[in-house]
Amino acid sequence: MSNPVPQTDAVFLKHFAQLILALVVIAAVLIVIAVHFYGYLPYQGNKNRASVVDSRIAPVGAVHAGETGRAAIAQAEAAAKVAAASAVAYGGTLEGKTIYDSLCYACHTTGAGGAPMLTDKVHWAPRVAEGLATLVKHATEGYTGSNGIMPARGGNPALTDEQVKATVEWMVTQVK
């Protein structure tokens, strides 16, 4: 008599099915426990729900016509100017070194974007020769030259014209 061959596939499937069943039972028990404990927590809705909903369904724009429209546009422009005035960069300081260390340093020490490095007086000489007014204009409005790009206001629109001028003046004194 020969030994029968064990049914390994059937044994594997039996053990695999038992393992899956055990995992399903464990998951169900954990879900029941979580639901039970979660039921004791009071519901805390979003206290700002009404304002969030209002902001999401608010119209994107408005149509203004005639005298009423002109008045509304003027009022919106005045509000924008007030908001812009309150968002002055670096506390409104006119100290060029402070602004340079906070903003300009990143490009003018590494040469990023073709910016002349503050220590490289050779590349600064032709720029300084153009005059302070030109340098301030390029720094304020932005400039794209053959050597690189100078973003307007150094990439920070909150800088005032006076802050840009003070920073350019400080930089020019460093390269002379």
Protein backbone atom coordinates (compact mmCIF):
# COMPACT_ATOMS: atom_id res chain seq x y z
CA MET A 1 0.00 0.00 0.00
CA SER A 2 1.33 3.39 -0.89
CA ASN A 3 1.11 6.51 1.25
CA PRO A 4 -1.51 8.93 0.06
CA VAL A 5 -0.16 12.34 -1.06
CA PRO A 6 -1.19 15.06 1.42
CA GLN A 7 -3.53 17.68 0.05
CA THR A 8 -1.26 20.65 0.64
CA ASP A 9 -3.36 23.05 -1.40
CA ALA A 10 -6.46 22.23 0.62
CA VAL A 11 -4.54 22.63 3.89
CA PHE A 12 -3.12 25.98 2.77
CA LEU A 13 -6.54 27.27 1.72
CA LYS A 14 -8.05 26.13 5.02
CA HIS A 15 -5.38 27.94 7.07
CA PHE A 16 -5.55 31.04 4.85
CA ALA A 17 -9.35 31.21 5.22
CA GLN A 18 -8.99 30.86 9.00
CA LEU A 19 -6.44 33.70 9.05
CA ILE A 20 -8.70 35.98 6.97
CA LEU A 21 -11.67 35.16 9.21
CA ALA A 22 -9.62 35.96 12.33
CA LEU A 23 -8.55 39.33 10.86
CA VAL A 24 -12.15 40.18 9.96
CA VAL A 25 -13.29 39.33 13.49
CA ILE A 26 -10.52 41.46 15.01
CA ALA A 27 -11.41 44.40 12.73
CA ALA A 28 -15.11 44.09 13.65
CA VAL A 29 -14.29 44.02 17.38
CA LEU A 30 -12.09 47.12 17.03
CA ILE A 31 -14.83 48.95 15.11
CA VAL A 32 -17.41 48.12 17.79
CA ILE A 33 -15.04 49.31 20.54
CA ALA A 34 -14.30 52.56 18.66
CA VAL A 35 -18.01 53.26 18.07
CA HIS A 36 -18.73 52.59 21.73
CA PHE A 37 -16.06 55.00 23.01
CA TYR A 38 -16.75 57.62 20.35
CA GLY A 39 -20.40 57.67 21.42
CA TYR A 40 -19.40 59.25 24.74
CA LEU A 41 -17.77 62.30 23.12
CA PRO A 42 -20.03 65.31 22.66
CA TYR A 43 -20.38 66.62 19.12
CA GLN A 44 -18.34 69.76 18.62
CA GLY A 45 -19.31 71.42 15.39
CA ASN A 46 -17.31 74.17 13.73
CA LYS A 47 -18.11 77.39 15.57
CA ASN A 48 -17.26 79.41 12.47
CA ARG A 49 -19.43 77.31 10.18
CA ALA A 50 -21.75 80.15 9.18
CA SER A 51 -18.90 82.49 8.24
CA VAL A 52 -17.12 79.69 6.35
CA VAL A 53 -20.25 78.93 4.36
CA ASP A 54 -20.83 82.63 3.67
CA SER A 55 -17.27 83.08 2.42
CA ARG A 56 -17.58 80.06 0.13
CA ILE A 57 -20.82 81.20 -1.49
CA ALA A 58 -19.96 84.90 -1.68
CA PRO A 59 -19.88 86.31 -5.20
CA VAL A 60 -16.45 86.59 -6.75
CA GLY A 61 -17.00 90.02 -8.20
CA ALA A 62 -19.56 92.71 -8.62
CA VAL A 63 -20.84 94.86 -11.44
CA HIS A 64 -20.68 98.59 -10.91
CA ALA A 65 -22.30 101.01 -13.33
CA GLY A 66 -22.89 104.75 -13.35
CA GLU A 67 -22.25 107.06 -10.43
CA THR A 68 -22.94 104.32 -7.89
CA GLY A 69 -20.35 102.17 -9.60
CA ARG A 70 -17.73 104.93 -9.59
CA ALA A 71 -18.30 105.50 -5.90
CA ALA A 72 -17.99 101.79 -5.14
CA ILE A 73 -14.79 101.49 -7.18
CA ALA A 74 -13.29 104.56 -5.48
CA GLN A 75 -14.18 103.13 -2.08
CA ALA A 76 -12.59 99.78 -2.97
CA GLU A 77 -9.41 101.50 -4.19
CA ALA A 78 -9.19 103.54 -0.98
CA ALA A 79 -9.60 100.38 1.11
CA ALA A 80 -6.89 98.65 -0.93
CA LYS A 81 -4.51 101.59 -0.35
CA VAL A 82 -5.15 101.47 3.39
CA ALA A 83 -4.56 97.72 3.43
CA ALA A 84 -1.34 98.10 1.42
CA ALA A 85 -0.09 100.87 3.69
CA SER A 86 -0.52 98.65 6.73
CA ALA A 87 1.47 95.85 5.10
CA VAL A 88 4.83 97.62 4.96
CA ALA A 89 7.75 95.22 4.98
CA TYR A 90 10.26 94.95 7.82
CA GLY A 91 8.36 97.35 10.06
CA GLY A 92 8.91 100.22 7.63
CA THR A 93 12.63 100.42 8.39
CA LEU A 94 14.74 102.51 6.04
CA GLU A 95 17.97 100.84 7.10
CA GLY A 96 19.36 99.37 3.88
CA LYS A 97 21.52 96.76 5.62
CA THR A 98 18.52 95.33 7.48
CA ILE A 99 16.52 94.94 4.27
CA TYR A 100 19.55 93.55 2.41
CA ASP A 101 20.19 90.98 5.15
CA SER A 102 16.53 89.94 5.14
CA LEU A 103 15.77 89.89 1.43
CA CYS A 104 18.55 90.74 -1.00
CA TYR A 105 21.22 88.60 0.64
CA ALA A 106 19.94 85.37 -0.89
CA CYS A 107 20.63 86.39 -4.49
CA HIS A 108 23.44 88.91 -4.10
CA THR A 109 25.71 86.50 -2.20
CA THR A 110 25.14 83.47 -4.43
CA GLY A 111 24.66 85.12 -7.82
CA ALA A 112 21.23 83.50 -8.22
CA GLY A 113 19.35 84.68 -11.30
CA GLY A 114 22.48 86.47 -12.54
CA ALA A 115 22.51 88.89 -9.59
CA PRO A 116 25.90 90.57 -9.16
CA MET A 117 27.46 89.48 -5.89
CA LEU A 118 28.03 92.26 -3.41
CA THR A 119 31.70 91.28 -3.13
CA ASP A 120 32.23 91.39 -6.92
CA LYS A 121 33.02 95.06 -7.60
CA VAL A 122 33.97 94.34 -11.23
CA HIS A 123 30.37 93.46 -12.17
CA TRP A 124 28.98 96.35 -10.13
CA ALA A 125 31.12 99.07 -11.78
CA PRO A 126 29.07 99.35 -15.02
CA ARG A 127 25.82 99.29 -13.06
CA VAL A 128 26.97 102.01 -10.67
CA ALA A 129 28.12 104.06 -13.67
CA GLU A 130 24.52 104.11 -14.94
CA GLY A 131 23.61 106.20 -11.91
CA LEU A 132 21.71 105.73 -8.68
CA ALA A 133 18.39 106.73 -10.25
CA THR A 134 18.66 103.93 -12.83
CA LEU A 135 19.60 101.36 -10.20
CA VAL A 136 16.68 102.40 -8.01
CA LYS A 137 14.32 102.27 -11.01
CA HIS A 138 15.51 98.75 -11.92
CA ALA A 139 15.18 97.59 -8.32
CA THR A 140 11.72 99.13 -7.97
CA GLU A 141 10.18 98.14 -11.30
CA GLY A 142 12.23 95.03 -12.00
CA TYR A 143 14.70 94.52 -14.81
CA THR A 144 15.66 91.81 -17.25
CA GLY A 145 19.13 92.27 -18.64
CA SER A 146 21.56 90.16 -20.62
CA ASN A 147 23.16 88.92 -17.39
CA GLY A 148 20.08 88.08 -15.39
CA ILE A 149 16.82 89.13 -13.81
CA MET A 150 16.07 91.60 -11.03
CA PRO A 151 12.54 91.04 -9.73
CA ALA A 152 10.53 94.14 -8.88
CA ARG A 153 11.16 95.21 -5.28
CA GLY A 154 13.42 92.20 -4.85
CA GLY A 155 10.38 89.95 -5.01
CA ASN A 156 8.70 91.57 -1.98
CA PRO A 157 5.84 93.85 -3.11
CA ALA A 158 5.40 95.15 0.44
CA LEU A 159 8.65 97.17 0.18
CA THR A 160 8.05 100.88 -0.21
CA ASP A 161 9.89 103.03 -2.75
CA GLU A 162 11.84 104.61 0.09
CA GLN A 163 12.91 101.19 1.41
CA VAL A 164 14.07 100.10 -2.05
CA LYS A 165 16.03 103.33 -2.49
CA ALA A 166 17.64 103.03 0.95
CA THR A 167 18.69 99.45 0.23
CA VAL A 168 20.13 100.30 -3.20
CA GLU A 169 22.04 103.24 -1.70
CA TRP A 170 23.48 100.97 1.02
CA MET A 171 24.50 98.36 -1.55
CA VAL A 172 26.18 100.99 -3.75
CA THR A 173 28.21 102.23 -0.79
CA GLN A 174 29.38 98.65 -0.23
CA VAL A 175 30.64 98.17 -3.79
CA LYS A 176 32.39 101.52 -4.27
